[in-house]
Protein backbone atom coordinates (compact mmCIF):
# COMPACT_ATOMS: atom_id res chain seq x y z
CA UNK A 1 111.08 185.98 -91.26
CA UNK A 2 109.19 182.51 -91.15
CA UNK A 3 107.06 180.98 -93.69
CA UNK A 4 103.95 181.51 -91.85
CA UNK A 5 100.94 180.46 -94.28
CA UNK A 6 99.54 180.09 -97.51
CA UNK A 7 96.02 181.66 -98.69
CA UNK A 8 93.69 179.67 -100.64
CA UNK A 9 90.55 181.52 -102.30
CA UNK A 10 87.55 180.03 -103.01
CA UNK A 11 86.40 179.83 -106.34
CA UNK A 12 82.92 178.86 -107.40
CA UNK A 13 81.91 176.92 -104.17
CA UNK A 14 81.66 178.52 -100.83
CA UNK A 15 83.95 178.11 -98.04
CA UNK A 16 82.57 175.19 -96.91
CA UNK A 17 82.29 173.26 -100.11
CA UNK A 18 85.80 174.10 -101.01
CA UNK A 19 87.14 173.07 -97.61
CA UNK A 20 85.12 169.78 -97.74
CA UNK A 21 86.58 169.19 -100.99
CA UNK A 22 90.28 169.93 -99.88
CA UNK A 23 89.83 167.91 -96.56
CA UNK A 24 89.29 164.89 -98.57
CA UNK A 25 92.35 165.84 -100.69
CA UNK A 26 94.47 165.89 -97.42
CA UNK A 27 93.05 163.34 -95.64
CA UNK A 28 93.09 166.31 -92.88
CA UNK A 29 89.98 168.49 -91.78
CA UNK A 30 90.15 172.14 -92.21
CA UNK A 31 88.90 173.93 -89.28
CA UNK A 32 86.62 176.78 -88.75
CA UNK A 33 88.51 179.81 -88.15
CA UNK A 34 86.16 182.79 -88.20
CA UNK A 35 85.66 186.37 -89.67
CA UNK A 36 88.00 188.81 -90.23
CA UNK A 37 85.35 191.78 -89.38
CA UNK A 38 88.42 194.50 -90.74
CA UNK A 39 88.69 193.05 -94.10
CA UNK A 40 84.96 191.52 -94.94
CA UNK A 41 86.41 187.96 -95.44
CA UNK A 42 85.79 184.62 -93.63
CA UNK A 43 88.35 181.50 -93.13
CA UNK A 44 89.05 177.92 -92.54
CA UNK A 45 92.23 176.63 -91.46
CA UNK A 46 94.64 173.65 -91.95
CA UNK A 47 97.56 173.38 -89.79
CA UNK A 48 100.68 172.39 -90.99
CA UNK A 49 103.86 171.12 -89.59
CA UNK A 50 106.60 173.43 -88.87
CA UNK A 51 104.66 176.06 -87.28
CA UNK A 52 102.25 177.06 -90.93
CA UNK A 53 99.20 176.55 -92.18
CA UNK A 54 96.64 176.68 -94.96
CA UNK A 55 93.74 179.39 -94.73
CA UNK A 56 91.28 178.63 -97.26
CA UNK A 57 89.37 182.42 -97.42
CA UNK A 58 85.74 183.62 -98.78
CA UNK A 59 84.58 187.31 -99.30
CA UNK A 60 81.69 188.13 -97.25
CA UNK A 61 78.71 190.20 -98.43
CA UNK A 62 79.91 193.32 -96.47
CA UNK A 63 81.41 196.51 -97.38
CA UNK A 64 84.97 196.07 -95.88
CA UNK A 65 85.63 193.45 -98.40
CA UNK A 66 85.03 195.88 -100.90
CA UNK A 67 87.42 198.50 -99.50
CA UNK A 68 90.20 196.70 -97.45
CA UNK A 69 92.90 195.59 -99.79
CA UNK A 70 92.85 191.70 -98.28
CA UNK A 71 89.31 191.84 -98.70
CA UNK A 72 89.65 193.06 -102.56
CA UNK A 73 92.51 190.37 -103.17
CA UNK A 74 90.41 187.51 -102.16
CA UNK A 75 87.40 189.13 -104.54
CA UNK A 76 89.54 189.23 -107.02
CA UNK A 77 90.53 185.72 -107.08
CA UNK A 78 87.40 184.14 -106.41
CA UNK A 79 86.09 186.23 -109.92
CA UNK A 80 89.10 184.73 -111.43
CA UNK A 81 88.24 181.14 -110.88
CA UNK A 82 89.70 180.81 -107.27
CA UNK A 83 93.01 178.94 -106.40
CA UNK A 84 96.13 180.07 -104.46
CA UNK A 85 96.14 183.80 -102.94
CA UNK A 86 99.41 184.23 -102.21
CA UNK A 87 101.86 183.38 -99.56
CA UNK A 88 102.92 185.04 -95.92
CA UNK A 89 105.72 185.49 -93.96
CA UNK A 90 105.73 186.05 -90.26
CA UNK A 91 107.93 188.55 -88.12
CA UNK A 92 108.60 189.46 -84.26
CA UNK A 93 108.70 192.99 -85.27
CA UNK A 94 106.69 194.92 -87.93
CA UNK A 95 108.48 198.35 -87.64
CA UNK A 96 111.22 197.45 -89.99
CA UNK A 97 108.92 196.05 -92.65
CA UNK A 98 107.08 199.25 -92.30
CA UNK A 99 110.27 201.31 -92.89
CA UNK A 100 111.48 198.65 -95.82
CA UNK A 101 107.92 199.55 -97.79
CA UNK A 102 107.27 202.58 -96.70
CA UNK A 103 103.84 202.69 -95.10
CA UNK A 104 102.28 201.55 -91.71
CA UNK A 105 100.99 197.99 -91.00
CA UNK A 106 96.85 197.53 -90.19
CA UNK A 107 95.72 195.76 -87.43
CA UNK A 108 93.28 192.44 -87.96
CA UNK A 109 91.57 190.24 -85.83
CA UNK A 110 89.08 187.28 -85.75
CA UNK A 111 87.41 185.87 -82.82
CA UNK A 112 87.57 181.47 -83.17
CA UNK A 113 84.81 179.84 -82.80
CA UNK A 114 86.17 179.12 -79.30
CA UNK A 115 85.71 183.21 -78.44
CA UNK A 116 89.27 183.45 -78.42
CA UNK A 117 90.10 186.81 -80.21
CA UNK A 118 93.16 186.39 -82.38
CA UNK A 119 94.86 189.31 -83.27
CA UNK A 120 98.02 190.60 -85.74
CA UNK A 121 99.35 193.43 -87.68
CA UNK A 122 99.98 192.83 -91.47
CA UNK A 123 101.35 194.90 -94.37
CA UNK A 124 102.17 194.42 -97.98
CA UNK A 125 98.81 193.19 -98.85
CA UNK A 126 98.67 195.80 -101.72
CA UNK A 127 101.79 194.82 -102.90
CA UNK A 128 100.42 191.04 -103.02
CA UNK A 129 97.34 192.31 -105.06
CA UNK A 130 99.59 194.02 -107.89
CA UNK A 131 102.51 191.51 -108.18
CA UNK A 132 101.04 188.00 -106.46
CA UNK A 133 104.75 186.51 -106.26
CA UNK A 134 105.10 188.97 -103.09
CA UNK A 135 104.46 187.68 -99.59
CA UNK A 136 102.68 190.09 -97.18
CA UNK A 137 103.88 189.70 -94.09
CA UNK A 138 102.27 189.41 -90.45
CA UNK A 139 103.18 189.87 -86.94
CA UNK A 140 101.13 188.22 -84.39
CA UNK A 141 100.02 189.52 -81.31
CA UNK A 142 99.10 186.55 -79.28
CA UNK A 143 101.49 184.10 -77.77
CA UNK A 144 103.10 181.32 -79.71
CA UNK A 145 100.25 178.48 -78.36
CA UNK A 146 97.35 180.69 -79.81
CA UNK A 147 98.55 180.56 -83.68
CA UNK A 148 96.45 178.61 -86.17
CA UNK A 149 99.31 176.13 -86.83
CA UNK A 150 98.60 174.91 -83.16
CA UNK A 151 94.62 174.52 -83.44
CA UNK A 152 95.09 170.64 -83.94
CA UNK A 153 98.00 167.98 -84.44
CA UNK A 154 99.65 168.71 -87.74
CA UNK A 155 99.43 165.79 -90.11
CA UNK A 156 100.12 167.68 -93.13
CA UNK A 157 103.76 169.23 -94.01
CA UNK A 158 104.55 171.64 -96.78
CA UNK A 159 107.09 170.12 -99.35
CA UNK A 160 107.53 172.33 -102.22
CA UNK A 161 106.57 175.46 -104.11
CA UNK A 162 106.33 176.36 -107.82
CA UNK A 163 106.24 180.05 -107.94
CA UNK A 164 105.87 181.93 -111.12
CA UNK A 165 108.59 184.79 -110.29
CA UNK A 166 111.80 185.64 -109.42
CA UNK A 167 113.64 185.63 -106.08
CA UNK A 168 115.25 189.02 -107.04
CA UNK A 169 111.87 191.19 -106.76
CA UNK A 170 111.22 189.26 -103.47
CA UNK A 171 114.50 190.19 -102.20
CA UNK A 172 113.98 194.17 -103.66
CA UNK A 173 110.77 194.02 -101.87
CA UNK A 174 111.33 192.79 -98.51
CA UNK A 175 114.81 191.89 -98.31
CA UNK A 176 117.00 188.62 -98.29
CA UNK A 177 115.38 187.57 -95.20
CA UNK A 178 111.93 187.01 -97.42
CA UNK A 179 114.07 184.44 -99.39
CA UNK A 180 115.75 183.04 -96.45
CA UNK A 181 112.35 182.29 -94.94
CA UNK A 182 111.57 179.60 -97.76
CA UNK A 183 114.57 177.66 -97.06
CA UNK A 184 112.76 174.96 -95.50
CA UNK A 185 110.59 174.50 -98.73
CA UNK A 186 111.60 173.29 -101.92
CA UNK A 187 110.94 176.47 -104.30
CA UNK A 188 111.08 176.15 -108.11
CA UNK A 189 110.84 179.82 -109.23
CA UNK A 190 109.22 179.60 -113.01
CA UNK A 191 109.47 182.62 -115.17
CA UNK A 192 106.11 183.83 -115.55
CA UNK A 193 104.30 183.51 -118.30
CA UNK A 194 101.05 184.73 -117.24
CA UNK A 195 100.20 185.87 -113.84
CA UNK A 196 102.98 185.66 -111.06
CA UNK A 197 102.70 183.84 -107.78
CA UNK A 198 101.95 180.36 -106.58
CA UNK A 199 101.42 178.00 -109.35
CA UNK A 200 101.22 174.92 -107.06
CA UNK A 201 102.34 173.52 -103.82
CA UNK A 202 103.44 170.12 -103.04
CA UNK A 203 101.92 168.13 -99.41
CA UNK A 204 102.96 165.33 -97.36
CA UNK A 205 99.62 164.20 -96.21
CA UNK A 206 97.94 161.10 -94.85
CA UNK A 207 96.92 160.33 -98.35
CA UNK A 208 100.27 160.49 -99.90
CA UNK A 209 101.58 163.17 -101.67
CA UNK A 210 99.41 165.79 -103.04
CA UNK A 211 99.84 168.75 -105.07
CA UNK A 212 97.15 171.32 -105.50
């Protein structure tokens, strides 16, 4: 397992406005990603070092965002003010994760502005919705060079995460490999005093160290 990306939901401002603010904060530009037709969402992407990225996500006015777990999760986070939605780990094979969680992965796709159709399978969003400290899991069906982290040269690096939660809970959910996926990041586990999940993330950026 590899820490693939972090998801950040818009709040009172729309996707482009949020991306413009965060681009100025980081000194690096969020790029148009595209719509997720099966989930009723749309994103913009900032490539990070180490094969990772951040996505800013917004729910579309579309029935899929009311029905799909990911669309529901984005809507709920936006309604609560926006911010970190969750973290995602990638795997080369999805079947062991399906067996561990006890359900089948769902297919996802989005057409980038250049027309390329990114495809993947994902699982665990219902777990993330119920307990935001839990990651969801993605298995990409495209070559490594088409991964969102490769959209542009990365000038930003994820340094650390503050997560309200318990690593033992993560291990129970996905196994010890999910914790190992965070080995390259300094993770501070904090006992939840409210909602669990990502509290903040620290990045090395062209503008210096940024905490979001």
